[in-house]
Amino acid sequence: AACASISRVPLVHASMAHRHLLIFALLPCWAAAAPVNEAACPDTTAVPSCTGPTSVEEYWVQLASQGHYDKSKRPACGNSTFAGPTVVEVQLYLTQVNEVDQKLGQVTVNGYMRSWWHDPRLAFRSEAEGGCLDAVRMAGADAEGIWEPDLYFDNLVSLHTHESRLLEIYPDGGVWKSEQITLTVKSPISLGKLPYDMHTARIVVASYSQDISLMRVIPRGGAVGRSSSGGGRSGVGIIAAPLSSSVWAFGAEEGHHAHRGFETPALVEIKFSWDYVTLEFHYSRMPKYYVDQVILPSLLFLTVSYIQFW
């Protein structure tokens, strides 16, 4: 209506200043009436009608309207009580092996620490149920309002947490968390077979304050430990991107090098009523440098030294 009333103002008898004012006033109206430029907005679709939150802020408002959410309480179990333990799955997406310190027996890696759990209190209507979202994505400080497992690294030397942090909440209350980290862990190295030595880097993950009566920690898709010996190797503990090094070859198994990335299962153990999940990968030295620069020259000098006895 406002645009129509402005457009009926005659411009013939208006002064130059009035004409400029009218043109500026009509610019928003022309922009609103202009058709969508499909080149600038490809694959445009009609916005479906839905009910429920359409943003992170609206999701928090809906959650608050359902009652007080206590982030200090762990999520309810499948039977809607707090009697059983909460199951937390863990996995490391390995992007780089930064350093292998052979003297100190330490390995520094970079990647994304992932974890999954289920919190029914966070459930909402999916798009199939008439909702507006199939996942609520939160980055950084936006995700600090919900319960999270208190995981730590048992063989940690140093940890640097980057600002890259993402958390997704799904309609059934499932939660996925991914956080970029640079991690240095203690991982003993034996040099007895140098330069044909092979090693295993281990990263041990556990809950800091909750034993197996409150929380079960398992690898992604793995089995829950049922006895004092744990659950053995299962699931996928590490997913590695293609890794390159001038010294080391990396792989899922000893003696097998993976140039296109690899996956490894994780070991689940129960120690003093606590779950310990060991994420591990294998790496071996590429011996060509030592053969060319150390072994062959040593054999040559040895041969020359024995020539005088012939």
C-alpha atoms as a PDB file:
ATOM      1  CA  ALA A   1       0.000   0.000   0.000  1.00  0.00           C
ATOM      2  CA  ALA A   2       2.832   2.381   0.861  1.00  0.00           C
ATOM      3  CA  CYS A   3       4.574   1.587  -2.424  1.00  0.00           C
ATOM      4  CA  ALA A   4       1.336   2.170  -4.352  1.00  0.00           C
ATOM      5  CA  SER A   5       0.724   5.562  -2.727  1.00  0.00           C
ATOM      6  CA  ILE A   6       4.293   6.686  -3.441  1.00  0.00           C
ATOM      7  CA  SER A   7       4.123   5.545  -7.077  1.00  0.00           C
ATOM      8  CA  ARG A   8       0.982   7.684  -7.660  1.00  0.00           C
ATOM      9  CA  VAL A   9       2.877  10.882  -6.825  1.00  0.00           C
ATOM     10  CA  PRO A  10       3.301  12.851 -10.136  1.00  0.00           C
ATOM     11  CA  LEU A  11       6.928  13.514 -11.070  1.00  0.00           C
ATOM     12  CA  VAL A  12       6.274  15.942 -13.911  1.00  0.00           C
ATOM     13  CA  HIS A  13       5.668  19.000 -11.737  1.00  0.00           C
ATOM     14  CA  ALA A  14       8.041  17.925  -8.925  1.00  0.00           C
ATOM     15  CA  SER A  15      11.334  19.644  -8.384  1.00  0.00           C
ATOM     16  CA  MET A  16      14.629  17.870  -8.995  1.00  0.00           C
ATOM     17  CA  ALA A  17      15.173  17.359  -5.234  1.00  0.00           C
ATOM     18  CA  HIS A  18      11.690  15.884  -4.828  1.00  0.00           C
ATOM     19  CA  ARG A  19      12.286  13.532  -7.748  1.00  0.00           C
ATOM     20  CA  HIS A  20      15.467  12.199  -6.124  1.00  0.00           C
ATOM     21  CA  LEU A  21      13.649  11.629  -2.827  1.00  0.00           C
ATOM     22  CA  LEU A  22      10.833   9.752  -4.566  1.00  0.00           C
ATOM     23  CA  ILE A  23      13.282   7.548  -6.476  1.00  0.00           C
ATOM     24  CA  PHE A  24      15.138   6.596  -3.260  1.00  0.00           C
ATOM     25  CA  ALA A  25      11.806   5.860  -1.569  1.00  0.00           C
ATOM     26  CA  LEU A  26      10.747   3.535  -4.392  1.00  0.00           C
ATOM     27  CA  LEU A  27      14.018   1.555  -4.535  1.00  0.00           C
ATOM     28  CA  PRO A  28      12.967  -0.989  -1.818  1.00  0.00           C
ATOM     29  CA  CYS A  29       9.636  -1.485  -3.578  1.00  0.00           C
ATOM     30  CA  TRP A  30      11.307  -2.194  -6.920  1.00  0.00           C
ATOM     31  CA  ALA A  31      13.739  -4.587  -5.256  1.00  0.00           C
ATOM     32  CA  ALA A  32      10.905  -6.501  -3.567  1.00  0.00           C
ATOM     33  CA  ALA A  33       8.956  -6.748  -6.834  1.00  0.00           C
ATOM     34  CA  ALA A  34      11.989  -7.878  -8.870  1.00  0.00           C
ATOM     35  CA  PRO A  35      11.990 -11.596  -9.799  1.00  0.00           C
ATOM     36  CA  VAL A  36      14.521 -13.943  -8.185  1.00  0.00           C
ATOM     37  CA  ASN A  37      17.761 -14.141 -10.136  1.00  0.00           C
ATOM     38  CA  GLU A  38      18.254 -17.890 -10.470  1.00  0.00           C
ATOM     39  CA  ALA A  39      21.889 -17.385 -11.433  1.00  0.00           C
ATOM     40  CA  ALA A  40      22.520 -15.704  -8.076  1.00  0.00           C
ATOM     41  CA  CYS A  41      20.248 -18.108  -6.173  1.00  0.00           C
ATOM     42  CA  PRO A  42      20.431 -21.502  -7.919  1.00  0.00           C
ATOM     43  CA  ASP A  43      18.183 -24.417  -7.029  1.00  0.00           C
ATOM     44  CA  THR A  44      15.576 -22.219  -5.379  1.00  0.00           C
ATOM     45  CA  THR A  45      12.603 -24.022  -3.867  1.00  0.00           C
ATOM     46  CA  ALA A  46       9.442 -22.914  -2.155  1.00  0.00           C
ATOM     47  CA  VAL A  47       9.750 -22.617   1.618  1.00  0.00           C
ATOM     48  CA  PRO A  48       7.555 -25.393   3.116  1.00  0.00           C
ATOM     49  CA  SER A  49       5.176 -24.621   5.932  1.00  0.00           C
ATOM     50  CA  CYS A  50       6.347 -26.030   9.263  1.00  0.00           C
ATOM     51  CA  THR A  51       6.104 -25.572  12.996  1.00  0.00           C
ATOM     52  CA  GLY A  52       8.951 -25.495  15.442  1.00  0.00           C
ATOM     53  CA  PRO A  53      12.367 -23.843  15.709  1.00  0.00           C
ATOM     54  CA  THR A  54      14.117 -22.623  12.571  1.00  0.00           C
ATOM     55  CA  SER A  55      17.328 -21.411  14.247  1.00  0.00           C
ATOM     56  CA  VAL A  56      19.518 -22.100  17.267  1.00  0.00           C
ATOM     57  CA  GLU A  57      17.973 -19.204  19.181  1.00  0.00           C
ATOM     58  CA  GLU A  58      14.438 -20.468  18.565  1.00  0.00           C
ATOM     59  CA  TYR A  59      15.524 -23.959  19.615  1.00  0.00           C
ATOM     60  CA  TRP A  60      16.758 -22.663  22.996  1.00  0.00           C
ATOM     61  CA  VAL A  61      13.467 -20.800  23.472  1.00  0.00           C
ATOM     62  CA  GLN A  62      11.514 -24.002  22.784  1.00  0.00           C
ATOM     63  CA  LEU A  63      13.744 -26.001  25.129  1.00  0.00           C
ATOM     64  CA  ALA A  64      13.239 -23.436  27.903  1.00  0.00           C
ATOM     65  CA  SER A  65       9.461 -23.516  27.412  1.00  0.00           C
ATOM     66  CA  GLN A  66       9.440 -27.272  28.054  1.00  0.00           C
ATOM     67  CA  GLY A  67      10.841 -26.839  31.555  1.00  0.00           C
ATOM     68  CA  HIS A  68      14.169 -26.387  33.286  1.00  0.00           C
ATOM     69  CA  TYR A  69      17.063 -28.179  31.573  1.00  0.00           C
ATOM     70  CA  ASP A  70      19.743 -29.187  34.087  1.00  0.00           C
ATOM     71  CA  LYS A  71      23.062 -29.617  32.262  1.00  0.00           C
ATOM     72  CA  SER A  72      24.634 -31.076  35.412  1.00  0.00           C
ATOM     73  CA  LYS A  73      22.467 -34.219  35.071  1.00  0.00           C
ATOM     74  CA  ARG A  74      23.477 -36.857  32.598  1.00  0.00           C
ATOM     75  CA  PRO A  75      20.829 -37.890  30.024  1.00  0.00           C
ATOM     76  CA  ALA A  76      18.148 -40.387  30.875  1.00  0.00           C
ATOM     77  CA  CYS A  77      18.616 -43.971  29.734  1.00  0.00           C
ATOM     78  CA  GLY A  78      16.451 -45.797  27.240  1.00  0.00           C
ATOM     79  CA  ASN A  79      13.944 -46.706  29.938  1.00  0.00           C
ATOM     80  CA  SER A  80      13.473 -43.013  30.867  1.00  0.00           C
ATOM     81  CA  THR A  81      15.236 -43.330  34.211  1.00  0.00           C
ATOM     82  CA  PHE A  82      18.630 -42.291  35.509  1.00  0.00           C
ATOM     83  CA  ALA A  83      19.374 -45.770  36.833  1.00  0.00           C
ATOM     84  CA  GLY A  84      21.400 -47.133  33.927  1.00  0.00           C
ATOM     85  CA  PRO A  85      24.624 -45.766  32.424  1.00  0.00           C
ATOM     86  CA  THR A  86      24.722 -43.319  29.535  1.00  0.00           C
ATOM     87  CA  VAL A  87      26.472 -44.751  26.472  1.00  0.00           C
ATOM     88  CA  VAL A  88      29.024 -42.422  24.827  1.00  0.00           C
ATOM     89  CA  GLU A  89      30.716 -43.348  21.551  1.00  0.00           C
ATOM     90  CA  VAL A  90      34.109 -41.846  20.670  1.00  0.00           C
ATOM     91  CA  GLN A  91      36.187 -41.631  17.519  1.00  0.00           C
ATOM     92  CA  LEU A  92      39.208 -39.685  16.250  1.00  0.00           C
ATOM     93  CA  TYR A  93      39.314 -38.389  12.697  1.00  0.00           C
ATOM     94  CA  LEU A  94      43.069 -38.231  12.128  1.00  0.00           C
ATOM     95  CA  THR A  95      44.251 -35.596   9.644  1.00  0.00           C
ATOM     96  CA  GLN A  96      47.969 -35.331  10.354  1.00  0.00           C
ATOM     97  CA  VAL A  97      50.797 -36.885  12.354  1.00  0.00           C
ATOM     98  CA  ASN A  98      52.811 -33.816  13.292  1.00  0.00           C
ATOM     99  CA  GLU A  99      55.768 -35.412  15.063  1.00  0.00           C
ATOM    100  CA  VAL A 100      57.168 -38.689  16.340  1.00  0.00           C
ATOM    101  CA  ASP A 101      59.600 -37.956  19.181  1.00  0.00           C
ATOM    102  CA  GLN A 102      61.760 -41.072  19.286  1.00  0.00           C
ATOM    103  CA  LYS A 103      63.798 -39.880  22.264  1.00  0.00           C
ATOM    104  CA  LEU A 104      60.877 -39.140  24.581  1.00  0.00           C
ATOM    105  CA  GLY A 105      58.514 -41.758  23.138  1.00  0.00           C
ATOM    106  CA  GLN A 106      55.781 -39.279  22.231  1.00  0.00           C
ATOM    107  CA  VAL A 107      53.485 -38.840  19.229  1.00  0.00           C
ATOM    108  CA  THR A 108      51.791 -35.574  18.256  1.00  0.00           C
ATOM    109  CA  VAL A 109      48.721 -35.722  16.032  1.00  0.00           C
ATOM    110  CA  ASN A 110      46.138 -33.321  14.698  1.00  0.00           C
ATOM    111  CA  GLY A 111      42.514 -34.185  14.027  1.00  0.00           C
ATOM    112  CA  TYR A 112      38.914 -34.013  15.161  1.00  0.00           C
ATOM    113  CA  MET A 113      37.751 -35.716  18.340  1.00  0.00           C
ATOM    114  CA  ARG A 114      34.187 -36.906  17.832  1.00  0.00           C
ATOM    115  CA  SER A 115      31.653 -38.183  20.336  1.00  0.00           C
ATOM    116  CA  TRP A 116      28.036 -39.346  20.174  1.00  0.00           C
ATOM    117  CA  TRP A 117      25.378 -39.776  22.872  1.00  0.00           C
ATOM    118  CA  HIS A 118      21.614 -39.642  23.308  1.00  0.00           C
ATOM    119  CA  ASP A 119      19.748 -37.032  25.354  1.00  0.00           C
ATOM    120  CA  PRO A 120      15.933 -37.425  25.110  1.00  0.00           C
ATOM    121  CA  ARG A 121      15.427 -34.033  26.752  1.00  0.00           C
ATOM    122  CA  LEU A 122      16.751 -32.373  23.579  1.00  0.00           C
ATOM    123  CA  ALA A 123      14.307 -34.079  21.170  1.00  0.00           C
ATOM    124  CA  PHE A 124      12.219 -32.023  18.736  1.00  0.00           C
ATOM    125  CA  ARG A 125       9.944 -32.581  15.742  1.00  0.00           C
ATOM    126  CA  SER A 126      11.687 -33.575  12.514  1.00  0.00           C
ATOM    127  CA  GLU A 127      10.752 -32.339   9.051  1.00  0.00           C
ATOM    128  CA  ALA A 128       8.897 -35.602   8.437  1.00  0.00           C
ATOM    129  CA  GLU A 129       6.797 -34.851  11.524  1.00  0.00           C
ATOM    130  CA  GLY A 130       6.004 -31.289  10.453  1.00  0.00           C
ATOM    131  CA  GLY A 131       9.012 -29.627  12.043  1.00  0.00           C
ATOM    132  CA  CYS A 132      11.345 -27.171  10.363  1.00  0.00           C
ATOM    133  CA  LEU A 133      14.728 -28.848  10.940  1.00  0.00           C
ATOM    134  CA  ASP A 134      16.310 -32.290  10.845  1.00  0.00           C
ATOM    135  CA  ALA A 135      19.351 -31.112  12.788  1.00  0.00           C
ATOM    136  CA  VAL A 136      20.201 -28.155  15.001  1.00  0.00           C
ATOM    137  CA  ARG A 137      23.815 -27.129  14.377  1.00  0.00           C
ATOM    138  CA  MET A 138      25.688 -25.165  17.005  1.00  0.00           C
ATOM    139  CA  ALA A 139      29.213 -23.803  16.791  1.00  0.00           C
ATOM    140  CA  GLY A 140      31.477 -22.460  19.488  1.00  0.00           C
ATOM    141  CA  ALA A 141      29.872 -21.077  22.630  1.00  0.00           C
ATOM    142  CA  ASP A 142      26.330 -21.727  21.351  1.00  0.00           C
ATOM    143  CA  ALA A 143      26.675 -25.376  22.380  1.00  0.00           C
ATOM    144  CA  GLU A 144      27.661 -24.786  26.016  1.00  0.00           C
ATOM    145  CA  GLY A 145      24.140 -25.056  27.399  1.00  0.00           C
ATOM    146  CA  ILE A 146      23.723 -28.844  27.312  1.00  0.00           C
ATOM    147  CA  TRP A 147      25.197 -31.818  29.133  1.00  0.00           C
ATOM    148  CA  GLU A 148      28.444 -33.184  27.699  1.00  0.00           C
ATOM    149  CA  PRO A 149      30.526 -36.204  28.749  1.00  0.00           C
ATOM    150  CA  ASP A 150      33.676 -35.397  30.740  1.00  0.00           C
ATOM    151  CA  LEU A 151      36.144 -37.281  28.565  1.00  0.00           C
ATOM    152  CA  TYR A 152      39.900 -37.064  29.006  1.00  0.00           C
ATOM    153  CA  PHE A 153      43.063 -38.659  27.577  1.00  0.00           C
ATOM    154  CA  ASP A 154      44.705 -41.004  30.043  1.00  0.00           C
ATOM    155  CA  ASN A 155      48.201 -40.950  28.445  1.00  0.00           C
ATOM    156  CA  LEU A 156      48.122 -37.226  27.691  1.00  0.00           C
ATOM    157  CA  VAL A 157      51.280 -35.116  27.510  1.00  0.00           C
ATOM    158  CA  SER A 158      49.761 -31.925  26.108  1.00  0.00           C
ATOM    159  CA  LEU A 159      46.501 -30.856  24.486  1.00  0.00           C
ATOM    160  CA  HIS A 160      45.646 -27.808  22.417  1.00  0.00           C
ATOM    161  CA  THR A 161      41.978 -27.231  21.620  1.00  0.00           C
ATOM    162  CA  HIS A 162      41.256 -25.109  18.561  1.00  0.00           C
ATOM    163  CA  GLU A 163      38.257 -22.846  18.025  1.00  0.00           C
ATOM    164  CA  SER A 164      36.766 -25.259  15.477  1.00  0.00           C
ATOM    165  CA  ARG A 165      33.940 -26.870  17.427  1.00  0.00           C
ATOM    166  CA  LEU A 166      30.622 -28.147  16.092  1.00  0.00           C
ATOM    167  CA  LEU A 167      27.696 -29.820  17.809  1.00  0.00           C
ATOM    168  CA  GLU A 168      24.582 -31.242  16.137  1.00  0.00           C
ATOM    169  CA  ILE A 169      21.331 -32.243  17.833  1.00  0.00           C
ATOM    170  CA  TYR A 170      18.940 -34.583  16.015  1.00  0.00           C
ATOM    171  CA  PRO A 171      15.150 -34.930  16.383  1.00  0.00           C
ATOM    172  CA  ASP A 172      15.386 -38.112  18.486  1.00  0.00           C
ATOM    173  CA  GLY A 173      17.729 -36.418  20.966  1.00  0.00           C
ATOM    174  CA  GLY A 174      20.900 -37.822  19.451  1.00  0.00           C
ATOM    175  CA  VAL A 175      23.928 -35.562  19.843  1.00  0.00           C
ATOM    176  CA  TRP A 176      27.124 -35.450  17.773  1.00  0.00           C
ATOM    177  CA  LYS A 177      30.109 -33.356  18.804  1.00  0.00           C
ATOM    178  CA  SER A 178      33.281 -32.658  16.827  1.00  0.00           C
ATOM    179  CA  GLU A 179      36.222 -30.637  18.095  1.00  0.00           C
ATOM    180  CA  GLN A 180      39.560 -29.955  16.426  1.00  0.00           C
ATOM    181  CA  ILE A 181      42.531 -30.797  18.633  1.00  0.00           C
ATOM    182  CA  THR A 182      46.304 -31.069  18.550  1.00  0.00           C
ATOM    183  CA  LEU A 183      47.264 -33.884  20.875  1.00  0.00           C
ATOM    184  CA  THR A 184      50.559 -35.209  22.218  1.00  0.00           C
ATOM    185  CA  VAL A 185      50.441 -38.586  23.964  1.00  0.00           C
ATOM    186  CA  LYS A 186      52.954 -40.898  25.572  1.00  0.00           C
ATOM    187  CA  SER A 187      53.527 -43.860  23.271  1.00  0.00           C
ATOM    188  CA  PRO A 188      56.664 -45.954  23.941  1.00  0.00           C
ATOM    189  CA  ILE A 189      58.961 -46.596  20.978  1.00  0.00           C
ATOM    190  CA  SER A 190      61.370 -49.548  20.688  1.00  0.00           C
ATOM    191  CA  LEU A 191      64.360 -49.027  18.393  1.00  0.00           C
ATOM    192  CA  GLY A 192      65.710 -52.571  18.653  1.00  0.00           C
ATOM    193  CA  LYS A 193      64.954 -53.332  14.979  1.00  0.00           C
ATOM    194  CA  LEU A 194      66.078 -49.988  13.541  1.00  0.00           C
ATOM    195  CA  PRO A 195      65.763 -49.213  10.621  1.00  0.00           C
ATOM    196  CA  TYR A 196      63.077 -51.872  10.129  1.00  0.00           C
ATOM    197  CA  ASP A 197      61.159 -50.925  13.261  1.00  0.00           C
ATOM    198  CA  MET A 198      57.363 -50.852  13.477  1.00  0.00           C
ATOM    199  CA  HIS A 199      55.355 -49.135  16.216  1.00  0.00           C
ATOM    200  CA  THR A 200      51.813 -48.598  17.478  1.00  0.00           C
ATOM    201  CA  ALA A 201      50.576 -45.176  18.589  1.00  0.00           C
ATOM    202  CA  ARG A 202      47.903 -45.390  21.293  1.00  0.00           C
ATOM    203  CA  ILE A 203      45.463 -42.747  22.512  1.00  0.00           C
ATOM    204  CA  VAL A 204      43.528 -43.792  25.624  1.00  0.00           C
ATOM    205  CA  VAL A 205      40.126 -42.150  26.227  1.00  0.00           C
ATOM    206  CA  ALA A 206      38.055 -42.467  29.414  1.00  0.00           C
ATOM    207  CA  SER A 207      35.518 -40.619  31.553  1.00  0.00           C
ATOM    208  CA  TYR A 208      37.102 -38.492  34.241  1.00  0.00           C
ATOM    209  CA  SER A 209      34.411 -38.636  36.929  1.00  0.00           C
ATOM    210  CA  GLN A 210      31.835 -41.293  36.009  1.00  0.00           C
ATOM    211  CA  ASP A 211      32.480 -45.020  36.293  1.00  0.00           C
ATOM    212  CA  ILE A 212      30.677 -47.790  34.393  1.00  0.00           C
ATOM    213  CA  SER A 213      27.624 -47.537  36.661  1.00  0.00           C
ATOM    214  CA  LEU A 214      27.008 -44.034  35.254  1.00  0.00           C
ATOM    215  CA  MET A 215      28.675 -43.932  31.837  1.00  0.00           C
ATOM    216  CA  ARG A 216      29.883 -46.473  29.292  1.00  0.00           C
ATOM    217  CA  VAL A 217      32.546 -45.302  26.841  1.00  0.00           C
ATOM    218  CA  ILE A 218      32.874 -47.287  23.610  1.00  0.00           C
ATOM    219  CA  PRO A 219      34.286 -46.715  20.110  1.00  0.00           C
ATOM    220  CA  ARG A 220      31.917 -45.665  17.364  1.00  0.00           C
ATOM    221  CA  GLY A 221      29.760 -48.668  16.501  1.00  0.00           C
ATOM    222  CA  GLY A 222      31.591 -50.794  19.076  1.00  0.00           C
ATOM    223  CA  ALA A 223      30.464 -53.151  21.803  1.00  0.00           C
ATOM    224  CA  VAL A 224      30.012 -52.342  25.483  1.00  0.00           C
ATOM    225  CA  GLY A 225      32.410 -54.209  27.752  1.00  0.00           C
ATOM    226  CA  ARG A 226      30.550 -56.935  29.661  1.00  0.00           C
ATOM    227  CA  SER A 227      33.299 -58.422  31.823  1.00  0.00           C
ATOM    228  CA  SER A 228      36.413 -57.422  33.713  1.00  0.00           C
ATOM    229  CA  SER A 229      38.416 -57.960  30.522  1.00  0.00           C
ATOM    230  CA  GLY A 230      36.346 -55.354  28.663  1.00  0.00           C
ATOM    231  CA  GLY A 231      34.862 -55.709  25.204  1.00  0.00           C
ATOM    232  CA  GLY A 232      37.941 -56.459  23.119  1.00  0.00           C
ATOM    233  CA  ARG A 233      38.504 -54.734  19.791  1.00  0.00           C
ATOM    234  CA  SER A 234      35.415 -53.485  18.010  1.00  0.00           C
ATOM    235  CA  GLY A 235      33.901 -50.532  16.219  1.00  0.00           C
ATOM    236  CA  VAL A 236      35.884 -47.815  14.454  1.00  0.00           C
ATOM    237  CA  GLY A 237      38.196 -45.916  16.775  1.00  0.00           C
ATOM    238  CA  ILE A 238      40.218 -43.962  14.208  1.00  0.00           C
ATOM    239  CA  ILE A 239      39.419 -42.795  10.695  1.00  0.00           C
ATOM    240  CA  ALA A 240      42.551 -41.429   9.039  1.00  0.00           C
ATOM    241  CA  ALA A 241      42.832 -39.179   6.032  1.00  0.00           C
ATOM    242  CA  PRO A 242      45.718 -39.886   3.629  1.00  0.00           C
ATOM    243  CA  LEU A 243      48.902 -39.260   5.649  1.00  0.00           C
ATOM    244  CA  SER A 244      52.318 -38.433   4.227  1.00  0.00           C
ATOM    245  CA  SER A 245      55.780 -38.398   5.783  1.00  0.00           C
ATOM    246  CA  SER A 246      59.360 -38.596   4.549  1.00  0.00           C
ATOM    247  CA  VAL A 247      60.288 -40.902   7.445  1.00  0.00           C
ATOM    248  CA  TRP A 248      57.206 -42.919   8.414  1.00  0.00           C
ATOM    249  CA  ALA A 249      54.581 -45.010   6.649  1.00  0.00           C
ATOM    250  CA  PHE A 250      51.178 -45.214   8.334  1.00  0.00           C
ATOM    251  CA  GLY A 251      48.573 -47.946   8.172  1.00  0.00           C
ATOM    252  CA  ALA A 252      45.838 -49.844   9.954  1.00  0.00           C
ATOM    253  CA  GLU A 253      47.957 -52.962  10.378  1.00  0.00           C
ATOM    254  CA  GLU A 254      51.626 -53.604  11.018  1.00  0.00           C
ATOM    255  CA  GLY A 255      53.548 -53.865   7.788  1.00  0.00           C
ATOM    256  CA  HIS A 256      50.634 -52.634   5.653  1.00  0.00           C
ATOM    257  CA  HIS A 257      50.894 -49.046   4.449  1.00  0.00           C
ATOM    258  CA  ALA A 258      47.766 -47.110   3.550  1.00  0.00           C
ATOM    259  CA  HIS A 259      48.133 -44.306   1.000  1.00  0.00           C
ATOM    260  CA  ARG A 260      44.413 -43.535   0.826  1.00  0.00           C
ATOM    261  CA  GLY A 261      43.609 -43.346   4.509  1.00  0.00           C
ATOM    262  CA  PHE A 262      42.510 -46.159   6.792  1.00  0.00           C
ATOM    263  CA  GLU A 263      40.234 -47.175   9.655  1.00  0.00           C
ATOM    264  CA  THR A 264      41.191 -49.032  12.811  1.00  0.00           C
ATOM    265  CA  PRO A 265      39.102 -50.695  15.544  1.00  0.00           C
ATOM    266  CA  ALA A 266      39.544 -49.696  19.167  1.00  0.00           C
ATOM    267  CA  LEU A 267      40.272 -51.720  22.276  1.00  0.00           C
ATOM    268  CA  VAL A 268      37.791 -51.497  25.176  1.00  0.00           C
ATOM    269  CA  GLU A 269      39.063 -52.392  28.655  1.00  0.00           C
ATOM    270  CA  ILE A 270      37.552 -52.130  32.133  1.00  0.00           C
ATOM    271  CA  LYS A 271      39.983 -51.089  34.869  1.00  0.00           C
ATOM    272  CA  PHE A 272      38.766 -50.568  38.428  1.00  0.00           C
ATOM    273  CA  SER A 273      35.150 -50.100  37.215  1.00  0.00           C
ATOM    274  CA  TRP A 274      36.111 -47.547  34.563  1.00  0.00           C
ATOM    275  CA  ASP A 275      35.941 -47.871  30.783  1.00  0.00           C
ATOM    276  CA  TYR A 276      39.180 -47.217  28.901  1.00  0.00           C
ATOM    277  CA  VAL A 277      39.011 -47.013  25.099  1.00  0.00           C
ATOM    278  CA  THR A 278      42.354 -47.280  23.299  1.00  0.00           C
ATOM    279  CA  LEU A 279      42.433 -45.685  19.845  1.00  0.00           C
ATOM    280  CA  GLU A 280      45.466 -46.910  17.944  1.00  0.00           C
ATOM    281  CA  PHE A 281      47.208 -46.913  14.587  1.00  0.00           C
ATOM    282  CA  HIS A 282      50.410 -48.476  13.319  1.00  0.00           C
ATOM    283  CA  TYR A 283      53.393 -46.835  11.685  1.00  0.00           C
ATOM    284  CA  SER A 284      56.731 -48.123  10.442  1.00  0.00           C
ATOM    285  CA  ARG A 285      59.969 -46.518   9.380  1.00  0.00           C
ATOM    286  CA  MET A 286      60.816 -46.248   5.698  1.00  0.00           C
ATOM    287  CA  PRO A 287      64.331 -47.738   5.743  1.00  0.00           C
ATOM    288  CA  LYS A 288      65.681 -46.537   2.387  1.00  0.00           C
ATOM    289  CA  TYR A 289      67.417 -43.466   3.828  1.00  0.00           C
ATOM    290  CA  TYR A 290      69.215 -45.497   6.498  1.00  0.00           C
ATOM    291  CA  VAL A 291      70.111 -48.231   4.039  1.00  0.00           C
ATOM    292  CA  ASP A 292      71.583 -45.754   1.549  1.00  0.00           C
ATOM    293  CA  GLN A 293      73.238 -43.413   4.041  1.00  0.00           C
ATOM    294  CA  VAL A 294      74.285 -45.712   6.893  1.00  0.00           C
ATOM    295  CA  ILE A 295      74.210 -49.434   6.135  1.00  0.00           C
ATOM    296  CA  LEU A 296      75.729 -49.439   2.613  1.00  0.00           C
ATOM    297  CA  PRO A 297      78.524 -46.955   3.457  1.00  0.00           C
ATOM    298  CA  SER A 298      79.355 -48.988   6.580  1.00  0.00           C
ATOM    299  CA  LEU A 299      79.598 -52.184   4.527  1.00  0.00           C
ATOM    300  CA  LEU A 300      81.779 -50.386   1.993  1.00  0.00           C
ATOM    301  CA  PHE A 301      84.202 -49.149   4.663  1.00  0.00           C
ATOM    302  CA  LEU A 302      84.286 -52.615   6.190  1.00  0.00           C
ATOM    303  CA  THR A 303      85.118 -54.150   2.826  1.00  0.00           C
ATOM    304  CA  VAL A 304      87.914 -51.641   2.208  1.00  0.00           C
ATOM    305  CA  SER A 305      89.400 -52.274   5.628  1.00  0.00           C
ATOM    306  CA  TYR A 306      89.667 -56.003   4.872  1.00  0.00           C
ATOM    307  CA  ILE A 307      91.330 -55.493   1.470  1.00  0.00           C
ATOM    308  CA  GLN A 308      94.744 -55.039   3.136  1.00  0.00           C
ATOM    309  CA  PHE A 309      94.617 -58.652   4.358  1.00  0.00           C
ATOM    310  CA  TRP A 310      94.228 -60.068   0.857  1.00  0.00           C
END
